[in-house]
Amino acid sequence: MHIKYKEDNDLDKQNPINMKDLDKAMNELNICEKTTENLGTIRRYLERLTLIIERSRIREYMMLTDSKRRLFTINFIAGLGKGFGQAIGLSILAAFVFYLLSKSVDLPVIGEYIARLMDIVDEYRRR
């Protein structure tokens, strides 16, 4: 078995531990039955832990956070997308509200307030 030292601790170069190799290494040892049962339990826990870690994509997250430039680029693009999405959404919502307001100008109570608002906007445009 090869032990990974700090100097060769690069995530891209590491290979995951193969469970067959681990099982073979455990079976090569001459140990009593009780210890074998304990190692079997430990192996099951390790298999569960391995599945949990693989499903959580911790390795990809660590690789992402390791590169500051890549992390900045991804977050910058995501921020631009969110900003444009909000701007487009607000424009559509404002257009819909103004459309509804223009249709409700004919109503007696609301029409007066909307007429005043339109007069204020027209006055502001003339300046």
N, C-alpha and C. Protein backbone atom coordinates (compact mmCIF):
# COMPACT_ATOMS: atom_id res chain seq x y z
N MET A 1 0.83 -1.19 0.00
CA MET A 1 0.00 0.00 0.00
C MET A 1 0.87 1.25 0.00
N HIS A 2 0.49 2.21 -0.78
CA HIS A 2 1.25 3.46 -0.86
C HIS A 2 0.56 4.51 -0.01
N ILE A 3 1.31 5.14 0.87
CA ILE A 3 0.76 6.19 1.72
C ILE A 3 1.00 7.52 1.03
N LYS A 4 -0.04 8.30 0.90
CA LYS A 4 0.07 9.61 0.27
C LYS A 4 0.68 10.60 1.26
N TYR A 5 1.76 11.23 0.85
CA TYR A 5 2.39 12.25 1.67
C TYR A 5 1.93 13.62 1.22
N LYS A 6 2.28 14.61 1.99
CA LYS A 6 1.80 15.97 1.74
C LYS A 6 2.26 16.49 0.38
N GLU A 7 3.49 16.15 -0.03
CA GLU A 7 4.00 16.71 -1.28
C GLU A 7 3.31 16.13 -2.52
N ASP A 8 2.73 14.92 -2.43
CA ASP A 8 2.00 14.40 -3.58
C ASP A 8 0.51 14.35 -3.29
N ASN A 9 0.01 15.39 -2.65
CA ASN A 9 -1.39 15.45 -2.24
C ASN A 9 -2.22 16.29 -3.22
N ASP A 10 -1.99 16.12 -4.52
CA ASP A 10 -2.74 16.85 -5.54
C ASP A 10 -4.01 16.07 -5.86
N LEU A 11 -5.16 16.75 -5.83
CA LEU A 11 -6.45 16.06 -6.02
C LEU A 11 -6.58 15.44 -7.40
N ASP A 12 -5.96 16.06 -8.43
CA ASP A 12 -6.08 15.52 -9.78
C ASP A 12 -5.30 14.22 -9.95
N LYS A 13 -4.23 14.05 -9.19
CA LYS A 13 -3.37 12.88 -9.34
C LYS A 13 -3.78 11.73 -8.44
N GLN A 14 -4.61 11.96 -7.45
CA GLN A 14 -4.98 10.91 -6.51
C GLN A 14 -5.99 9.96 -7.13
N ASN A 15 -5.82 8.70 -6.83
CA ASN A 15 -6.80 7.69 -7.24
C ASN A 15 -7.60 7.30 -6.01
N PRO A 16 -8.89 7.09 -6.17
CA PRO A 16 -9.67 6.67 -5.00
C PRO A 16 -9.28 5.27 -4.57
N ILE A 17 -9.47 4.97 -3.31
CA ILE A 17 -9.13 3.66 -2.78
C ILE A 17 -10.12 2.64 -3.32
N ASN A 18 -9.59 1.59 -3.89
CA ASN A 18 -10.42 0.53 -4.42
C ASN A 18 -10.81 -0.39 -3.28
N MET A 19 -12.09 -0.70 -3.15
CA MET A 19 -12.56 -1.53 -2.04
C MET A 19 -12.02 -2.95 -2.15
N LYS A 20 -11.77 -3.45 -3.38
CA LYS A 20 -11.20 -4.79 -3.53
C LYS A 20 -9.78 -4.83 -2.98
N ASP A 21 -9.01 -3.78 -3.26
CA ASP A 21 -7.65 -3.72 -2.72
C ASP A 21 -7.66 -3.64 -1.20
N LEU A 22 -8.59 -2.88 -0.66
CA LEU A 22 -8.70 -2.77 0.79
C LEU A 22 -9.10 -4.11 1.39
N ASP A 23 -10.04 -4.80 0.75
CA ASP A 23 -10.47 -6.11 1.24
C ASP A 23 -9.32 -7.11 1.16
N LYS A 24 -8.57 -7.07 0.07
CA LYS A 24 -7.43 -7.98 -0.09
C LYS A 24 -6.38 -7.71 0.98
N ALA A 25 -6.10 -6.45 1.25
CA ALA A 25 -5.11 -6.11 2.28
C ALA A 25 -5.59 -6.56 3.65
N MET A 26 -6.88 -6.45 3.90
CA MET A 26 -7.41 -6.88 5.20
C MET A 26 -7.36 -8.40 5.33
N ASN A 27 -7.63 -9.13 4.24
CA ASN A 27 -7.65 -10.58 4.30
C ASN A 27 -6.25 -11.19 4.34
N GLU A 28 -5.25 -10.46 3.88
CA GLU A 28 -3.88 -10.96 3.93
C GLU A 28 -3.34 -11.01 5.35
N LEU A 29 -3.88 -10.21 6.21
CA LEU A 29 -3.42 -10.19 7.60
C LEU A 29 -3.95 -11.41 8.33
N ASN A 30 -3.13 -12.04 9.15
CA ASN A 30 -3.57 -13.15 9.99
C ASN A 30 -4.06 -12.58 11.31
N ILE A 31 -5.37 -12.50 11.44
CA ILE A 31 -5.95 -11.95 12.66
C ILE A 31 -7.09 -12.84 13.12
N CYS A 32 -7.48 -12.66 14.36
CA CYS A 32 -8.52 -13.51 14.93
C CYS A 32 -9.89 -13.14 14.37
N GLU A 33 -10.89 -14.00 14.64
CA GLU A 33 -12.24 -13.80 14.12
C GLU A 33 -12.88 -12.51 14.61
N LYS A 34 -12.68 -12.20 15.88
CA LYS A 34 -13.28 -11.00 16.47
C LYS A 34 -12.78 -9.76 15.74
N THR A 35 -11.49 -9.72 15.49
CA THR A 35 -10.92 -8.58 14.77
C THR A 35 -11.44 -8.54 13.34
N THR A 36 -11.61 -9.70 12.72
CA THR A 36 -12.14 -9.76 11.36
C THR A 36 -13.57 -9.21 11.32
N GLU A 37 -14.37 -9.54 12.33
CA GLU A 37 -15.73 -9.00 12.41
C GLU A 37 -15.71 -7.49 12.55
N ASN A 38 -14.80 -7.01 13.41
CA ASN A 38 -14.68 -5.56 13.59
C ASN A 38 -14.25 -4.88 12.29
N LEU A 39 -13.29 -5.51 11.60
CA LEU A 39 -12.84 -4.93 10.33
C LEU A 39 -13.96 -4.97 9.29
N GLY A 40 -14.80 -6.00 9.31
CA GLY A 40 -15.94 -6.06 8.39
C GLY A 40 -16.92 -4.94 8.66
N THR A 41 -17.15 -4.67 9.95
CA THR A 41 -18.03 -3.56 10.32
C THR A 41 -17.43 -2.24 9.88
N ILE A 42 -16.15 -2.09 10.11
CA ILE A 42 -15.46 -0.86 9.70
C ILE A 42 -15.53 -0.71 8.18
N ARG A 43 -15.34 -1.83 7.46
CA ARG A 43 -15.40 -1.78 6.01
C ARG A 43 -16.78 -1.33 5.52
N ARG A 44 -17.84 -1.84 6.16
CA ARG A 44 -19.20 -1.42 5.78
C ARG A 44 -19.40 0.07 6.03
N TYR A 45 -18.91 0.55 7.18
CA TYR A 45 -19.02 1.99 7.46
C TYR A 45 -18.21 2.80 6.45
N LEU A 46 -17.03 2.30 6.09
CA LEU A 46 -16.22 3.00 5.09
C LEU A 46 -16.93 3.04 3.73
N GLU A 47 -17.59 1.94 3.36
CA GLU A 47 -18.32 1.92 2.10
C GLU A 47 -19.46 2.93 2.11
N ARG A 48 -20.18 2.99 3.23
CA ARG A 48 -21.26 3.98 3.35
C ARG A 48 -20.71 5.40 3.27
N LEU A 49 -19.61 5.63 3.99
CA LEU A 49 -18.99 6.96 3.98
C LEU A 49 -18.51 7.32 2.59
N THR A 50 -17.93 6.35 1.89
CA THR A 50 -17.48 6.59 0.52
C THR A 50 -18.65 6.98 -0.38
N LEU A 51 -19.76 6.28 -0.26
CA LEU A 51 -20.95 6.62 -1.06
C LEU A 51 -21.46 8.01 -0.74
N ILE A 52 -21.49 8.35 0.54
CA ILE A 52 -21.97 9.67 0.95
C ILE A 52 -21.07 10.76 0.37
N ILE A 53 -19.77 10.55 0.45
CA ILE A 53 -18.82 11.55 -0.06
C ILE A 53 -18.93 11.67 -1.58
N GLU A 54 -19.07 10.55 -2.27
CA GLU A 54 -19.21 10.60 -3.73
C GLU A 54 -20.49 11.31 -4.14
N ARG A 55 -21.57 11.08 -3.42
CA ARG A 55 -22.84 11.73 -3.75
C ARG A 55 -22.81 13.22 -3.45
N SER A 56 -22.06 13.63 -2.46
CA SER A 56 -22.04 15.04 -2.09
C SER A 56 -21.11 15.87 -2.97
N ARG A 57 -20.35 15.21 -3.82
CA ARG A 57 -19.44 15.88 -4.76
C ARG A 57 -18.47 16.82 -4.05
N ILE A 58 -17.96 16.39 -2.95
CA ILE A 58 -17.01 17.21 -2.20
C ILE A 58 -15.74 17.45 -3.01
N ARG A 59 -15.31 16.44 -3.76
CA ARG A 59 -14.08 16.60 -4.54
C ARG A 59 -14.22 17.72 -5.57
N GLU A 60 -15.35 17.76 -6.28
CA GLU A 60 -15.56 18.82 -7.27
C GLU A 60 -15.62 20.18 -6.60
N TYR A 61 -16.27 20.24 -5.44
CA TYR A 61 -16.36 21.51 -4.71
C TYR A 61 -14.97 21.96 -4.26
N MET A 62 -14.16 21.02 -3.78
CA MET A 62 -12.81 21.38 -3.35
C MET A 62 -11.97 21.86 -4.53
N MET A 63 -12.13 21.21 -5.69
CA MET A 63 -11.39 21.64 -6.87
C MET A 63 -11.86 23.02 -7.32
N LEU A 64 -13.15 23.30 -7.18
CA LEU A 64 -13.70 24.61 -7.56
C LEU A 64 -13.15 25.70 -6.65
N THR A 65 -13.16 25.46 -5.35
CA THR A 65 -12.69 26.49 -4.42
C THR A 65 -11.18 26.61 -4.41
N ASP A 66 -10.48 25.62 -4.94
CA ASP A 66 -9.02 25.69 -4.98
C ASP A 66 -8.55 26.72 -6.00
N SER A 67 -9.27 26.87 -7.09
CA SER A 67 -8.91 27.83 -8.13
C SER A 67 -9.72 29.12 -7.91
N LYS A 68 -9.05 30.14 -7.40
CA LYS A 68 -9.74 31.41 -7.10
C LYS A 68 -10.24 32.07 -8.38
N ARG A 69 -9.47 31.98 -9.45
CA ARG A 69 -9.87 32.60 -10.72
C ARG A 69 -11.14 31.94 -11.26
N ARG A 70 -11.19 30.61 -11.22
CA ARG A 70 -12.38 29.90 -11.71
C ARG A 70 -13.59 30.20 -10.84
N LEU A 71 -13.40 30.24 -9.53
CA LEU A 71 -14.50 30.55 -8.62
C LEU A 71 -15.03 31.96 -8.88
N PHE A 72 -14.11 32.93 -9.08
CA PHE A 72 -14.52 34.30 -9.37
C PHE A 72 -15.29 34.37 -10.68
N THR A 73 -14.78 33.69 -11.71
CA THR A 73 -15.42 33.72 -13.02
C THR A 73 -16.83 33.14 -12.97
N ILE A 74 -16.98 32.01 -12.31
CA ILE A 74 -18.31 31.38 -12.22
C ILE A 74 -19.27 32.28 -11.46
N ASN A 75 -18.82 32.83 -10.33
CA ASN A 75 -19.70 33.70 -9.54
C ASN A 75 -20.03 35.00 -10.28
N PHE A 76 -19.07 35.53 -11.04
CA PHE A 76 -19.30 36.74 -11.81
C PHE A 76 -20.36 36.51 -12.89
N ILE A 77 -20.23 35.41 -13.61
CA ILE A 77 -21.20 35.09 -14.66
C ILE A 77 -22.58 34.83 -14.05
N ALA A 78 -22.61 34.15 -12.91
CA ALA A 78 -23.90 33.91 -12.24
C ALA A 78 -24.53 35.23 -11.80
N GLY A 79 -23.72 36.16 -11.31
CA GLY A 79 -24.23 37.47 -10.90
C GLY A 79 -24.77 38.26 -12.07
N LEU A 80 -24.07 38.20 -13.21
CA LEU A 80 -24.57 38.88 -14.41
C LEU A 80 -25.91 38.29 -14.84
N GLY A 81 -26.00 36.99 -14.82
CA GLY A 81 -27.25 36.33 -15.21
C GLY A 81 -28.40 36.72 -14.29
N LYS A 82 -28.12 36.76 -13.00
CA LYS A 82 -29.17 37.14 -12.05
C LYS A 82 -29.58 38.60 -12.25
N GLY A 83 -28.60 39.47 -12.48
CA GLY A 83 -28.91 40.89 -12.69
C GLY A 83 -29.75 41.11 -13.93
N PHE A 84 -29.37 40.47 -15.05
CA PHE A 84 -30.16 40.61 -16.28
C PHE A 84 -31.55 40.00 -16.10
N GLY A 85 -31.62 38.90 -15.41
CA GLY A 85 -32.92 38.26 -15.17
C GLY A 85 -33.84 39.16 -14.36
N GLN A 86 -33.29 39.81 -13.35
CA GLN A 86 -34.10 40.72 -12.54
C GLN A 86 -34.54 41.93 -13.36
N ALA A 87 -33.63 42.46 -14.18
CA ALA A 87 -33.98 43.62 -15.00
C ALA A 87 -35.08 43.28 -16.00
N ILE A 88 -34.95 42.15 -16.65
CA ILE A 88 -35.98 41.74 -17.62
C ILE A 88 -37.30 41.46 -16.91
N GLY A 89 -37.24 40.79 -15.78
CA GLY A 89 -38.46 40.51 -15.02
C GLY A 89 -39.15 41.77 -14.55
N LEU A 90 -38.38 42.73 -14.07
CA LEU A 90 -38.96 43.99 -13.62
C LEU A 90 -39.57 44.75 -14.80
N SER A 91 -38.91 44.72 -15.94
CA SER A 91 -39.45 45.40 -17.13
C SER A 91 -40.78 44.79 -17.55
N ILE A 92 -40.84 43.47 -17.56
CA ILE A 92 -42.10 42.81 -17.94
C ILE A 92 -43.19 43.11 -16.94
N LEU A 93 -42.86 43.06 -15.66
CA LEU A 93 -43.84 43.35 -14.62
C LEU A 93 -44.32 44.80 -14.70
N ALA A 94 -43.39 45.75 -14.92
CA ALA A 94 -43.78 47.15 -15.02
C ALA A 94 -44.66 47.38 -16.25
N ALA A 95 -44.32 46.74 -17.37
CA ALA A 95 -45.14 46.88 -18.57
C ALA A 95 -46.55 46.34 -18.33
N PHE A 96 -46.65 45.23 -17.63
CA PHE A 96 -47.96 44.66 -17.31
C PHE A 96 -48.76 45.58 -16.40
N VAL A 97 -48.09 46.16 -15.40
CA VAL A 97 -48.78 47.08 -14.48
C VAL A 97 -49.24 48.32 -15.23
N PHE A 98 -48.38 48.89 -16.09
CA PHE A 98 -48.78 50.07 -16.86
C PHE A 98 -49.90 49.74 -17.84
N TYR A 99 -49.89 48.55 -18.39
CA TYR A 99 -50.98 48.13 -19.27
C TYR A 99 -52.29 48.09 -18.50
N LEU A 100 -52.26 47.49 -17.32
CA LEU A 100 -53.47 47.44 -16.50
C LEU A 100 -53.92 48.84 -16.09
N LEU A 101 -52.96 49.71 -15.77
CA LEU A 101 -53.32 51.08 -15.39
C LEU A 101 -53.94 51.83 -16.57
N SER A 102 -53.40 51.61 -17.76
CA SER A 102 -53.97 52.32 -18.92
C SER A 102 -55.39 51.84 -19.21
N LYS A 103 -55.68 50.59 -18.93
CA LYS A 103 -57.04 50.08 -19.12
C LYS A 103 -57.99 50.58 -18.04
N SER A 104 -57.44 50.92 -16.88
CA SER A 104 -58.31 51.35 -15.78
C SER A 104 -58.45 52.87 -15.71
N VAL A 105 -57.96 53.60 -16.69
CA VAL A 105 -58.10 55.06 -16.71
C VAL A 105 -59.57 55.43 -16.82
N ASP A 106 -60.34 54.63 -17.45
CA ASP A 106 -61.76 54.93 -17.64
C ASP A 106 -62.58 54.76 -16.37
N LEU A 107 -62.03 54.14 -15.36
CA LEU A 107 -62.77 53.99 -14.10
C LEU A 107 -62.83 55.34 -13.39
N PRO A 108 -63.97 55.69 -12.79
CA PRO A 108 -64.15 57.03 -12.23
C PRO A 108 -63.19 57.36 -11.07
N VAL A 109 -63.01 56.49 -10.12
CA VAL A 109 -62.20 56.82 -8.94
C VAL A 109 -60.71 56.72 -9.25
N ILE A 110 -60.33 55.61 -9.86
CA ILE A 110 -58.91 55.39 -10.14
C ILE A 110 -58.44 56.27 -11.28
N GLY A 111 -59.32 56.57 -12.22
CA GLY A 111 -58.96 57.36 -13.38
C GLY A 111 -58.43 58.73 -13.03
N GLU A 112 -58.98 59.37 -12.00
CA GLU A 112 -58.51 60.70 -11.59
C GLU A 112 -57.07 60.64 -11.10
N TYR A 113 -56.77 59.64 -10.29
CA TYR A 113 -55.40 59.52 -9.76
C TYR A 113 -54.41 59.20 -10.87
N ILE A 114 -54.82 58.35 -11.79
CA ILE A 114 -53.93 58.00 -12.90
C ILE A 114 -53.74 59.20 -13.82
N ALA A 115 -54.79 59.99 -14.02
CA ALA A 115 -54.68 61.20 -14.86
C ALA A 115 -53.71 62.18 -14.22
N ARG A 116 -53.79 62.35 -12.90
CA ARG A 116 -52.83 63.23 -12.21
C ARG A 116 -51.41 62.71 -12.37
N LEU A 117 -51.25 61.40 -12.21
CA LEU A 117 -49.93 60.80 -12.35
C LEU A 117 -49.38 61.01 -13.75
N MET A 118 -50.23 60.86 -14.77
CA MET A 118 -49.79 61.07 -16.15
C MET A 118 -49.46 62.53 -16.41
N ASP A 119 -50.21 63.45 -15.79
CA ASP A 119 -49.90 64.88 -15.92
C ASP A 119 -48.54 65.19 -15.31
N ILE A 120 -48.26 64.60 -14.17
CA ILE A 120 -46.96 64.82 -13.51
C ILE A 120 -45.84 64.28 -14.38
N VAL A 121 -46.03 63.13 -14.97
CA VAL A 121 -45.01 62.54 -15.85
C VAL A 121 -44.81 63.41 -17.08
N ASP A 122 -45.90 63.89 -17.70
CA ASP A 122 -45.79 64.75 -18.87
C ASP A 122 -45.09 66.06 -18.54
N GLU A 123 -45.41 66.61 -17.38
CA GLU A 123 -44.77 67.85 -16.94
C GLU A 123 -43.27 67.64 -16.74
N TYR A 124 -42.92 66.52 -16.20
CA TYR A 124 -41.50 66.21 -15.96
C TYR A 124 -40.77 66.02 -17.29
N ARG A 125 -41.42 65.45 -18.28
CA ARG A 125 -40.80 65.23 -19.58
C ARG A 125 -40.54 66.56 -20.30
N ARG A 126 -41.39 67.55 -20.10
CA ARG A 126 -41.25 68.84 -20.77
C ARG A 126 -40.05 69.62 -20.26
N ARG A 127 -39.64 69.36 -19.05
CA ARG A 127 -38.50 70.09 -18.48
C ARG A 127 -37.28 69.72 -19.16
